[in-house]
C-alpha atoms as a PDB file:
ATOM      1  CA  MET A   1    -107.906 -90.202 -15.520  1.00  0.00           C
ATOM      2  CA  SER A   2    -106.147 -92.874 -16.696  1.00  0.00           C
ATOM      3  CA  THR A   3    -106.982 -95.668 -14.878  1.00  0.00           C
ATOM      4  CA  THR A   4    -103.714 -98.085 -15.961  1.00  0.00           C
ATOM      5  CA  GLY A   5    -100.816 -97.783 -14.549  1.00  0.00           C
ATOM      6  CA  ALA A   6     -97.997 -98.828 -12.304  1.00  0.00           C
ATOM      7  CA  THR A   7    -100.620 -99.172  -8.779  1.00  0.00           C
ATOM      8  CA  ALA A   8    -103.153-101.496  -8.205  1.00  0.00           C
ATOM      9  CA  ASP A   9    -105.329 -98.866  -6.475  1.00  0.00           C
ATOM     10  CA  PRO A  10    -105.129 -95.140  -8.478  1.00  0.00           C
ATOM     11  CA  LEU A  11    -107.787 -93.682  -6.647  1.00  0.00           C
ATOM     12  CA  ALA A  12    -106.332 -94.179  -3.515  1.00  0.00           C
ATOM     13  CA  ALA A  13    -103.075 -93.008  -4.929  1.00  0.00           C
ATOM     14  CA  LEU A  14    -104.919 -89.708  -5.907  1.00  0.00           C
ATOM     15  CA  GLY A  15    -105.331 -89.348  -1.374  1.00  0.00           C
ATOM     16  CA  SER A  16    -101.680 -89.084  -0.892  1.00  0.00           C
ATOM     17  CA  LEU A  17    -101.005 -85.717  -3.775  1.00  0.00           C
ATOM     18  CA  PRO A  18     -99.853 -83.122  -1.682  1.00  0.00           C
ATOM     19  CA  GLY A  19    -103.318 -81.295   0.389  1.00  0.00           C
ATOM     20  CA  VAL A  20    -105.856 -84.239  -0.325  1.00  0.00           C
ATOM     21  CA  ALA A  21    -105.019 -85.660   3.436  1.00  0.00           C
ATOM     22  CA  GLU A  22    -106.655 -82.260   4.721  1.00  0.00           C
ATOM     23  CA  SER A  23    -109.024 -82.199   2.219  1.00  0.00           C
ATOM     24  CA  VAL A  24    -110.272 -85.671   3.626  1.00  0.00           C
ATOM     25  CA  GLU A  25    -110.245 -84.760   7.383  1.00  0.00           C
ATOM     26  CA  SER A  26    -111.675 -81.193   7.120  1.00  0.00           C
ATOM     27  CA  VAL A  27    -114.297 -82.687   4.791  1.00  0.00           C
ATOM     28  CA  ARG A  28    -114.820 -85.906   7.657  1.00  0.00           C
ATOM     29  CA  LYS A  29    -115.363 -83.185  10.649  1.00  0.00           C
ATOM     30  CA  ALA A  30    -117.369 -80.861   9.063  1.00  0.00           C
ATOM     31  CA  VAL A  31    -120.155 -84.133   7.841  1.00  0.00           C
ATOM     32  CA  ASP A  32    -119.354 -85.158  11.784  1.00  0.00           C
ATOM     33  CA  ARG A  33    -120.459 -81.178  12.674  1.00  0.00           C
ATOM     34  CA  VAL A  34    -124.273 -81.901  11.427  1.00  0.00           C
ATOM     35  CA  TYR A  35    -124.381 -85.440  11.997  1.00  0.00           C
ATOM     36  CA  GLY A  36    -123.588 -84.502  15.566  1.00  0.00           C
ATOM     37  CA  HIS A  37    -126.333 -81.735  15.700  1.00  0.00           C
ATOM     38  CA  ARG A  38    -129.337 -82.503  18.824  1.00  0.00           C
ATOM     39  CA  ILE A  39    -132.018 -82.081  15.339  1.00  0.00           C
ATOM     40  CA  MET A  40    -130.586 -84.189  13.294  1.00  0.00           C
ATOM     41  CA  ARG A  41    -130.969 -87.183  16.404  1.00  0.00           C
ATOM     42  CA  ARG A  42    -135.121 -86.169  15.924  1.00  0.00           C
ATOM     43  CA  ARG A  43    -135.903 -84.428  12.942  1.00  0.00           C
ATOM     44  CA  SER A  44    -133.123 -85.998  10.255  1.00  0.00           C
ATOM     45  CA  THR A  45    -135.495 -87.045   7.482  1.00  0.00           C
ATOM     46  CA  GLU A  46    -136.446 -83.043   7.105  1.00  0.00           C
ATOM     47  CA  ILE A  47    -132.709 -82.312   7.011  1.00  0.00           C
ATOM     48  CA  THR A  48    -132.680 -85.193   4.342  1.00  0.00           C
ATOM     49  CA  SER A  49    -135.688 -83.105   2.459  1.00  0.00           C
ATOM     50  CA  GLU A  50    -134.424 -80.161   2.853  1.00  0.00           C
ATOM     51  CA  ALA A  51    -130.961 -80.868   1.452  1.00  0.00           C
ATOM     52  CA  ALA A  52    -132.681 -82.886  -1.344  1.00  0.00           C
ATOM     53  CA  LEU A  53    -134.210 -79.573  -2.595  1.00  0.00           C
ATOM     54  CA  ARG A  54    -131.321 -77.339  -2.163  1.00  0.00           C
ATOM     55  CA  GLY A  55    -129.349 -79.757  -3.692  1.00  0.00           C
ATOM     56  CA  ALA A  56    -131.051 -80.549  -6.923  1.00  0.00           C
ATOM     57  CA  ARG A  57    -131.597 -76.184  -6.975  1.00  0.00           C
ATOM     58  CA  GLY A  58    -127.887 -75.810  -6.848  1.00  0.00           C
ATOM     59  CA  SER A  59    -126.911 -78.927  -9.954  1.00  0.00           C
ATOM     60  CA  ALA A  60    -129.317 -77.011 -11.852  1.00  0.00           C
ATOM     61  CA  ALA A  61    -127.569 -73.250 -11.494  1.00  0.00           C
ATOM     62  CA  LEU A  62    -124.442 -75.315 -12.671  1.00  0.00           C
ATOM     63  CA  SER A  63    -127.045 -75.894 -15.133  1.00  0.00           C
ATOM     64  CA  GLY A  64    -128.060 -72.543 -16.676  1.00  0.00           C
ATOM     65  CA  ALA A  65    -131.479 -72.968 -14.517  1.00  0.00           C
ATOM     66  CA  ASP A  66    -130.798 -70.591 -11.496  1.00  0.00           C
ATOM     67  CA  TRP A  67    -133.649 -70.397  -9.633  1.00  0.00           C
ATOM     68  CA  ALA A  68    -134.644 -68.497  -6.422  1.00  0.00           C
ATOM     69  CA  LEU A  69    -134.972 -71.807  -3.588  1.00  0.00           C
ATOM     70  CA  GLU A  70    -138.396 -70.595  -3.053  1.00  0.00           C
ATOM     71  CA  GLU A  71    -139.467 -71.672  -6.338  1.00  0.00           C
ATOM     72  CA  VAL A  72    -138.474 -74.535  -7.108  1.00  0.00           C
ATOM     73  CA  ARG A  73    -140.006 -75.070  -3.375  1.00  0.00           C
ATOM     74  CA  ARG A  74    -143.127 -73.659  -4.769  1.00  0.00           C
ATOM     75  CA  ARG A  75    -142.997 -74.911  -8.528  1.00  0.00           C
ATOM     76  CA  THR A  76    -145.054 -78.045  -9.476  1.00  0.00           C
ATOM     77  CA  ASP A  77    -145.526 -77.839 -13.423  1.00  0.00           C
ATOM     78  CA  PHE A  78    -141.591 -78.204 -14.838  1.00  0.00           C
ATOM     79  CA  SER A  79    -142.891 -78.690 -18.257  1.00  0.00           C
ATOM     80  CA  GLY A  80    -141.868 -75.407 -19.904  1.00  0.00           C
ATOM     81  CA  ASP A  81    -138.827 -73.928 -21.103  1.00  0.00           C
ATOM     82  CA  ASN A  82    -135.363 -75.710 -21.260  1.00  0.00           C
ATOM     83  CA  GLU A  83    -135.161 -73.897 -17.464  1.00  0.00           C
ATOM     84  CA  ALA A  84    -137.281 -75.124 -16.021  1.00  0.00           C
ATOM     85  CA  GLN A  85    -137.120 -78.304 -18.056  1.00  0.00           C
ATOM     86  CA  THR A  86    -133.371 -78.053 -16.468  1.00  0.00           C
ATOM     87  CA  VAL A  87    -134.787 -78.053 -12.596  1.00  0.00           C
ATOM     88  CA  GLY A  88    -138.144 -81.199 -13.138  1.00  0.00           C
ATOM     89  CA  ALA A  89    -134.478 -82.964 -13.708  1.00  0.00           C
ATOM     90  CA  ALA A  90    -132.311 -82.245 -11.479  1.00  0.00           C
ATOM     91  CA  LEU A  91    -134.872 -82.779  -8.888  1.00  0.00           C
ATOM     92  CA  ARG A  92    -135.945 -86.127 -10.174  1.00  0.00           C
ATOM     93  CA  LEU A  93    -132.507 -87.207 -10.514  1.00  0.00           C
ATOM     94  CA  THR A  94    -131.587 -86.680  -6.566  1.00  0.00           C
ATOM     95  CA  ALA A  95    -135.204 -88.173  -5.682  1.00  0.00           C
ATOM     96  CA  GLU A  96    -133.725 -91.132  -8.147  1.00  0.00           C
ATOM     97  CA  SER A  97    -130.413 -91.637  -6.807  1.00  0.00           C
ATOM     98  CA  GLY A  98    -131.572 -93.077  -3.239  1.00  0.00           C
ATOM     99  CA  GLN A  99    -132.827 -95.807  -5.114  1.00  0.00           C
ATOM    100  CA  LEU A 100    -129.895 -97.273  -6.971  1.00  0.00           C
ATOM    101  CA  LEU A 101    -127.068 -96.618  -3.831  1.00  0.00           C
ATOM    102  CA  SER A 102    -127.967-101.217  -3.812  1.00  0.00           C
ATOM    103  CA  ILE A 103    -126.963-101.527  -7.644  1.00  0.00           C
ATOM    104  CA  TRP A 104    -123.339 -99.007  -7.749  1.00  0.00           C
ATOM    105  CA  ARG A 105    -121.185-100.581  -6.563  1.00  0.00           C
ATOM    106  CA  GLN A 106    -121.988-103.928  -9.035  1.00  0.00           C
ATOM    107  CA  SER A 107    -122.586-101.966 -12.051  1.00  0.00           C
ATOM    108  CA  PRO A 108    -122.272 -98.784 -12.114  1.00  0.00           C
ATOM    109  CA  LEU A 109    -122.706 -98.203 -15.939  1.00  0.00           C
ATOM    110  CA  ARG A 110    -126.531 -99.588 -15.405  1.00  0.00           C
ATOM    111  CA  VAL A 111    -126.706 -96.459 -12.953  1.00  0.00           C
ATOM    112  CA  LEU A 112    -125.381 -94.147 -14.775  1.00  0.00           C
ATOM    113  CA  ALA A 113    -128.040 -95.361 -17.908  1.00  0.00           C
ATOM    114  CA  ARG A 114    -130.836 -95.185 -15.063  1.00  0.00           C
ATOM    115  CA  LEU A 115    -129.596 -91.694 -14.196  1.00  0.00           C
ATOM    116  CA  HIS A 116    -129.820 -89.787 -18.179  1.00  0.00           C
ATOM    117  CA  LEU A 117    -132.961 -91.856 -19.192  1.00  0.00           C
ATOM    118  CA  VAL A 118    -134.683 -90.204 -15.507  1.00  0.00           C
ATOM    119  CA  ALA A 119    -133.150 -87.093 -16.556  1.00  0.00           C
ATOM    120  CA  ALA A 120    -133.558 -86.814 -19.691  1.00  0.00           C
ATOM    121  CA  ALA A 121    -137.092 -87.987 -19.466  1.00  0.00           C
ATOM    122  CA  ASP A 122    -137.390 -89.197 -22.789  1.00  0.00           C
ATOM    123  CA  GLN A 123    -137.896 -92.961 -24.878  1.00  0.00           C
ATOM    124  CA  GLY A 124    -135.230 -91.675 -27.971  1.00  0.00           C
ATOM    125  CA  ASP A 125    -133.047 -94.639 -28.916  1.00  0.00           C
ATOM    126  CA  THR A 126    -130.183 -91.699 -27.646  1.00  0.00           C
ATOM    127  CA  VAL A 127    -131.169 -91.832 -23.816  1.00  0.00           C
ATOM    128  CA  GLY A 128    -129.415 -93.956 -21.839  1.00  0.00           C
ATOM    129  CA  ARG A 129    -126.443 -94.556 -23.696  1.00  0.00           C
ATOM    130  CA  PRO A 130    -122.986 -93.312 -24.243  1.00  0.00           C
ATOM    131  CA  ARG A 131    -123.126 -91.325 -27.801  1.00  0.00           C
ATOM    132  CA  GLN A 132    -121.387 -92.399 -30.347  1.00  0.00           C
ATOM    133  CA  ASP A 133    -118.998 -91.228 -32.924  1.00  0.00           C
ATOM    134  CA  GLY A 134    -120.436 -88.204 -34.890  1.00  0.00           C
ATOM    135  CA  GLU A 135    -123.784 -87.869 -32.432  1.00  0.00           C
ATOM    136  CA  PRO A 136    -124.002 -84.065 -30.703  1.00  0.00           C
ATOM    137  CA  VAL A 137    -123.416 -83.259 -27.200  1.00  0.00           C
ATOM    138  CA  ASP A 138    -125.786 -80.465 -25.500  1.00  0.00           C
ATOM    139  CA  GLU A 139    -123.954 -79.497 -22.770  1.00  0.00           C
ATOM    140  CA  PRO A 140    -122.912 -75.287 -23.422  1.00  0.00           C
ATOM    141  CA  LEU A 141    -121.958 -74.496 -19.651  1.00  0.00           C
ATOM    142  CA  VAL A 142    -118.408 -76.816 -20.324  1.00  0.00           C
ATOM    143  CA  GLU A 143    -116.525 -76.150 -22.926  1.00  0.00           C
ATOM    144  CA  LEU A 144    -113.839 -78.124 -23.171  1.00  0.00           C
ATOM    145  CA  PRO A 145    -112.155 -80.751 -25.561  1.00  0.00           C
ATOM    146  CA  LEU A 146    -114.402 -83.659 -26.196  1.00  0.00           C
ATOM    147  CA  PRO A 147    -113.432 -87.122 -26.243  1.00  0.00           C
ATOM    148  CA  ASP A 148    -114.334 -89.297 -29.039  1.00  0.00           C
ATOM    149  CA  ALA A 149    -116.712 -92.040 -28.530  1.00  0.00           C
ATOM    150  CA  THR A 150    -113.516 -95.020 -28.664  1.00  0.00           C
ATOM    151  CA  GLU A 151    -112.097 -93.118 -25.343  1.00  0.00           C
ATOM    152  CA  VAL A 152    -115.337 -93.082 -23.732  1.00  0.00           C
ATOM    153  CA  ALA A 153    -116.030 -96.192 -23.942  1.00  0.00           C
ATOM    154  CA  GLY A 154    -112.784 -96.979 -22.833  1.00  0.00           C
ATOM    155  CA  ARG A 155    -112.835 -94.765 -19.852  1.00  0.00           C
ATOM    156  CA  LEU A 156    -116.360 -95.809 -18.834  1.00  0.00           C
ATOM    157  CA  GLU A 157    -115.350 -98.911 -19.065  1.00  0.00           C
ATOM    158  CA  GLY A 158    -112.216 -98.460 -16.723  1.00  0.00           C
ATOM    159  CA  LEU A 159    -113.952 -96.296 -13.817  1.00  0.00           C
ATOM    160  CA  SER A 160    -116.527 -98.682 -13.510  1.00  0.00           C
ATOM    161  CA  GLN A 161    -113.649-101.409 -12.838  1.00  0.00           C
ATOM    162  CA  LEU A 162    -112.186 -99.136 -10.045  1.00  0.00           C
ATOM    163  CA  ILE A 163    -115.684 -99.133  -8.449  1.00  0.00           C
ATOM    164  CA  ILE A 164    -116.437-102.585  -8.945  1.00  0.00           C
ATOM    165  CA  ALA A 165    -113.204-103.082  -7.699  1.00  0.00           C
ATOM    166  CA  GLY A 166    -113.998-100.604  -4.371  1.00  0.00           C
ATOM    167  CA  GLY A 167    -110.535 -99.690  -2.255  1.00  0.00           C
ATOM    168  CA  SER A 168    -108.721 -98.172   0.334  1.00  0.00           C
ATOM    169  CA  ALA A 169    -109.382 -94.441  -1.616  1.00  0.00           C
ATOM    170  CA  PRO A 170    -111.745 -91.697   0.424  1.00  0.00           C
ATOM    171  CA  ALA A 171    -114.873 -90.940  -0.320  1.00  0.00           C
ATOM    172  CA  LEU A 172    -114.257 -87.843  -1.243  1.00  0.00           C
ATOM    173  CA  VAL A 173    -111.051 -88.522  -3.347  1.00  0.00           C
ATOM    174  CA  THR A 174    -113.602 -91.436  -4.906  1.00  0.00           C
ATOM    175  CA  ALA A 175    -116.633 -88.847  -5.689  1.00  0.00           C
ATOM    176  CA  ALA A 176    -114.784 -86.054  -6.773  1.00  0.00           C
ATOM    177  CA  VAL A 177    -112.951 -88.704  -9.952  1.00  0.00           C
ATOM    178  CA  VAL A 178    -116.472 -90.013 -10.124  1.00  0.00           C
ATOM    179  CA  HIS A 179    -117.736 -86.273 -10.933  1.00  0.00           C
ATOM    180  CA  GLY A 180    -114.903 -84.796 -12.667  1.00  0.00           C
ATOM    181  CA  GLU A 181    -114.239 -88.246 -15.116  1.00  0.00           C
ATOM    182  CA  LEU A 182    -117.897 -87.648 -16.345  1.00  0.00           C
ATOM    183  CA  LEU A 183    -117.656 -84.153 -17.081  1.00  0.00           C
ATOM    184  CA  ALA A 184    -114.664 -84.839 -18.490  1.00  0.00           C
ATOM    185  CA  LEU A 185    -115.983 -87.285 -20.429  1.00  0.00           C
ATOM    186  CA  ARG A 186    -120.169 -85.990 -21.195  1.00  0.00           C
ATOM    187  CA  PRO A 187    -120.460 -89.463 -21.841  1.00  0.00           C
ATOM    188  CA  PHE A 188    -124.403 -88.817 -23.502  1.00  0.00           C
ATOM    189  CA  GLY A 189    -125.968 -86.562 -25.756  1.00  0.00           C
ATOM    190  CA  THR A 190    -127.529 -84.088 -22.720  1.00  0.00           C
ATOM    191  CA  HIS A 191    -127.749 -83.907 -19.011  1.00  0.00           C
ATOM    192  CA  ASN A 192    -123.783 -84.307 -18.468  1.00  0.00           C
ATOM    193  CA  GLY A 193    -123.757 -82.035 -15.396  1.00  0.00           C
ATOM    194  CA  LEU A 194    -126.512 -83.562 -13.921  1.00  0.00           C
ATOM    195  CA  VAL A 195    -126.382 -87.137 -13.920  1.00  0.00           C
ATOM    196  CA  ALA A 196    -122.306 -86.507 -12.817  1.00  0.00           C
ATOM    197  CA  ARG A 197    -122.982 -84.346  -9.867  1.00  0.00           C
ATOM    198  CA  ALA A 198    -125.575 -87.012  -8.971  1.00  0.00           C
ATOM    199  CA  ALA A 199    -123.313 -89.582  -9.066  1.00  0.00           C
ATOM    200  CA  GLU A 200    -121.274 -88.034  -6.896  1.00  0.00           C
ATOM    201  CA  ARG A 201    -124.244 -87.316  -4.736  1.00  0.00           C
ATOM    202  CA  ILE A 202    -124.223 -92.046  -5.078  1.00  0.00           C
ATOM    203  CA  VAL A 203    -120.699 -92.624  -4.318  1.00  0.00           C
ATOM    204  CA  LEU A 204    -120.732 -89.771  -0.671  1.00  0.00           C
ATOM    205  CA  VAL A 205    -123.894 -91.625   0.558  1.00  0.00           C
ATOM    206  CA  GLY A 206    -123.200 -94.791  -0.673  1.00  0.00           C
ATOM    207  CA  SER A 207    -119.315 -95.052   1.306  1.00  0.00           C
ATOM    208  CA  GLY A 208    -121.322 -94.266   4.582  1.00  0.00           C
ATOM    209  CA  LEU A 209    -119.559 -90.501   4.431  1.00  0.00           C
ATOM    210  CA  ASP A 210    -123.173 -88.974   4.280  1.00  0.00           C
ATOM    211  CA  PRO A 211    -125.128 -92.195   4.394  1.00  0.00           C
ATOM    212  CA  LYS A 212    -128.363 -90.129   5.209  1.00  0.00           C
ATOM    213  CA  SER A 213    -127.693 -87.547   2.471  1.00  0.00           C
ATOM    214  CA  VAL A 214    -127.523 -84.685   4.430  1.00  0.00           C
ATOM    215  CA  CYS A 215    -124.699 -82.763   3.377  1.00  0.00           C
ATOM    216  CA  PRO A 216    -125.213 -81.700  -0.411  1.00  0.00           C
ATOM    217  CA  ALA A 217    -122.216 -81.083  -2.186  1.00  0.00           C
ATOM    218  CA  GLU A 218    -124.518 -79.385  -5.474  1.00  0.00           C
ATOM    219  CA  VAL A 219    -125.181 -76.478  -3.050  1.00  0.00           C
ATOM    220  CA  GLY A 220    -121.257 -75.897  -2.601  1.00  0.00           C
ATOM    221  CA  HIS A 221    -120.488 -76.726  -6.416  1.00  0.00           C
ATOM    222  CA  ALA A 222    -122.825 -73.825  -7.727  1.00  0.00           C
ATOM    223  CA  GLU A 223    -122.308 -71.311  -4.311  1.00  0.00           C
ATOM    224  CA  PRO A 224    -118.393 -69.711  -5.892  1.00  0.00           C
ATOM    225  CA  GLY A 225    -120.078 -69.847  -9.127  1.00  0.00           C
ATOM    226  CA  ARG A 226    -119.638 -71.450 -12.223  1.00  0.00           C
ATOM    227  CA  ALA A 227    -116.572 -69.920 -12.922  1.00  0.00           C
ATOM    228  CA  ALA A 228    -114.424 -71.840  -9.907  1.00  0.00           C
ATOM    229  CA  TYR A 229    -116.341 -74.493 -10.459  1.00  0.00           C
ATOM    230  CA  LEU A 230    -115.643 -75.047 -13.550  1.00  0.00           C
ATOM    231  CA  ALA A 231    -111.604 -73.608 -13.195  1.00  0.00           C
ATOM    232  CA  ALA A 232    -110.856 -76.559 -10.726  1.00  0.00           C
ATOM    233  CA  LEU A 233    -112.723 -78.972 -13.537  1.00  0.00           C
ATOM    234  CA  GLU A 234    -109.756 -77.819 -16.099  1.00  0.00           C
ATOM    235  CA  GLY A 235    -107.478 -78.662 -13.226  1.00  0.00           C
ATOM    236  CA  TYR A 236    -108.536 -82.351 -13.566  1.00  0.00           C
ATOM    237  CA  VAL A 237    -109.442 -82.086 -17.010  1.00  0.00           C
ATOM    238  CA  SER A 238    -105.187 -81.481 -17.099  1.00  0.00           C
ATOM    239  CA  GLY A 239    -104.134 -84.861 -14.989  1.00  0.00           C
ATOM    240  CA  THR A 240    -101.232 -82.940 -13.443  1.00  0.00           C
ATOM    241  CA  PRO A 241    -101.156 -83.945 -10.237  1.00  0.00           C
ATOM    242  CA  GLU A 242    -101.050 -80.108  -8.785  1.00  0.00           C
ATOM    243  CA  GLY A 243    -104.436 -80.301 -10.413  1.00  0.00           C
ATOM    244  CA  MET A 244    -105.834 -82.905  -9.327  1.00  0.00           C
ATOM    245  CA  ALA A 245    -105.739 -81.799  -6.264  1.00  0.00           C
ATOM    246  CA  THR A 246    -106.548 -78.590  -6.930  1.00  0.00           C
ATOM    247  CA  TRP A 247    -110.520 -80.930  -8.081  1.00  0.00           C
ATOM    248  CA  ILE A 248    -110.125 -83.004  -5.167  1.00  0.00           C
ATOM    249  CA  ALA A 249    -109.784 -80.027  -2.771  1.00  0.00           C
ATOM    250  CA  HIS A 250    -112.674 -78.485  -4.455  1.00  0.00           C
ATOM    251  CA  CYS A 251    -114.911 -80.850  -4.124  1.00  0.00           C
ATOM    252  CA  GLY A 252    -114.303 -80.766  -0.768  1.00  0.00           C
ATOM    253  CA  ARG A 253    -114.834 -77.746  -0.066  1.00  0.00           C
ATOM    254  CA  ALA A 254    -118.109 -78.058  -1.500  1.00  0.00           C
ATOM    255  CA  ILE A 255    -119.558 -80.366   0.686  1.00  0.00           C
ATOM    256  CA  GLU A 256    -118.302 -78.363   3.689  1.00  0.00           C
ATOM    257  CA  LEU A 257    -119.986 -75.874   2.062  1.00  0.00           C
ATOM    258  CA  GLY A 258    -123.387 -78.363   1.715  1.00  0.00           C
ATOM    259  CA  ALA A 259    -122.960 -79.479   5.626  1.00  0.00           C
ATOM    260  CA  ARG A 260    -122.674 -75.999   6.461  1.00  0.00           C
ATOM    261  CA  GLU A 261    -125.571 -75.399   4.221  1.00  0.00           C
ATOM    262  CA  SER A 262    -127.592 -78.338   6.853  1.00  0.00           C
ATOM    263  CA  THR A 263    -126.261 -76.894   9.706  1.00  0.00           C
ATOM    264  CA  ALA A 264    -128.002 -74.061   9.396  1.00  0.00           C
ATOM    265  CA  VAL A 265    -131.305 -75.133   8.284  1.00  0.00           C
ATOM    266  CA  CYS A 266    -130.412 -77.361  12.126  1.00  0.00           C
ATOM    267  CA  GLU A 267    -130.104 -74.444  13.748  1.00  0.00           C
ATOM    268  CA  ALA A 268    -133.707 -72.559  11.832  1.00  0.00           C
ATOM    269  CA  LEU A 269    -135.161 -76.148  12.994  1.00  0.00           C
ATOM    270  CA  GLN A 270    -134.245 -75.405  16.641  1.00  0.00           C
ATOM    271  CA  ARG A 271    -134.852 -71.949  16.495  1.00  0.00           C
ATOM    272  CA  GLY A 272    -138.315 -73.156  15.325  1.00  0.00           C
ATOM    273  CA  ALA A 273    -138.053 -70.858  12.610  1.00  0.00           C
ATOM    274  CA  ALA A 274    -138.836 -73.294   9.533  1.00  0.00           C
END
């Protein structure tokens, strides 16, 4: 996304794209339904914990580790093969994201570095910093042109400035841009998808749209399948108004599906079946 131009608030300008206002309103209604459920008044901590588990499972699935929910719930050791490590990274990021909310609005680049460090669980010299020219990127499921290191640095700084400045953009728009920009840039050598989805979660919680983190968008991104996710991302990367609107609508639908997932959990708890 270009962060320069005539408008002082390019994120807010995206809210005027065709269909975006409708997506924003639909997301708000879906989130309100979860928060209005009677179970949320008594057992919100349980709903948050379950949403975190399901969100981590969804994010890992999009990064190639499509495990059954009960396997994620049961497993305690994630140090095995690549899939196990991916699931473990997704779970660590989910836990860490809630600790970074207060830092995000002041120093988003610091938060992104911390997310990558947590995901990688490694102290190598490429961990926790944007990649440099010539360094490889291991993100095989995102087959889009890879920006060079100079472009990555400039666009990350532009994104950071937009977040720090705030503005009037709806939370859905900001979350979609953060998510899409990080996937388009793939600023780190590994785990970019996991980090992008964790950053989206931070925006949704920190904005107040989903303060208890009970509407896991990662579930909604995973449900239609990876092909639909990547097709929507191509719209973002195109930079066209139609493509951007498609990506924002996709992210909105993901939040709605996450809200539906937690509503089902509420219903199960109410019936005493969970």
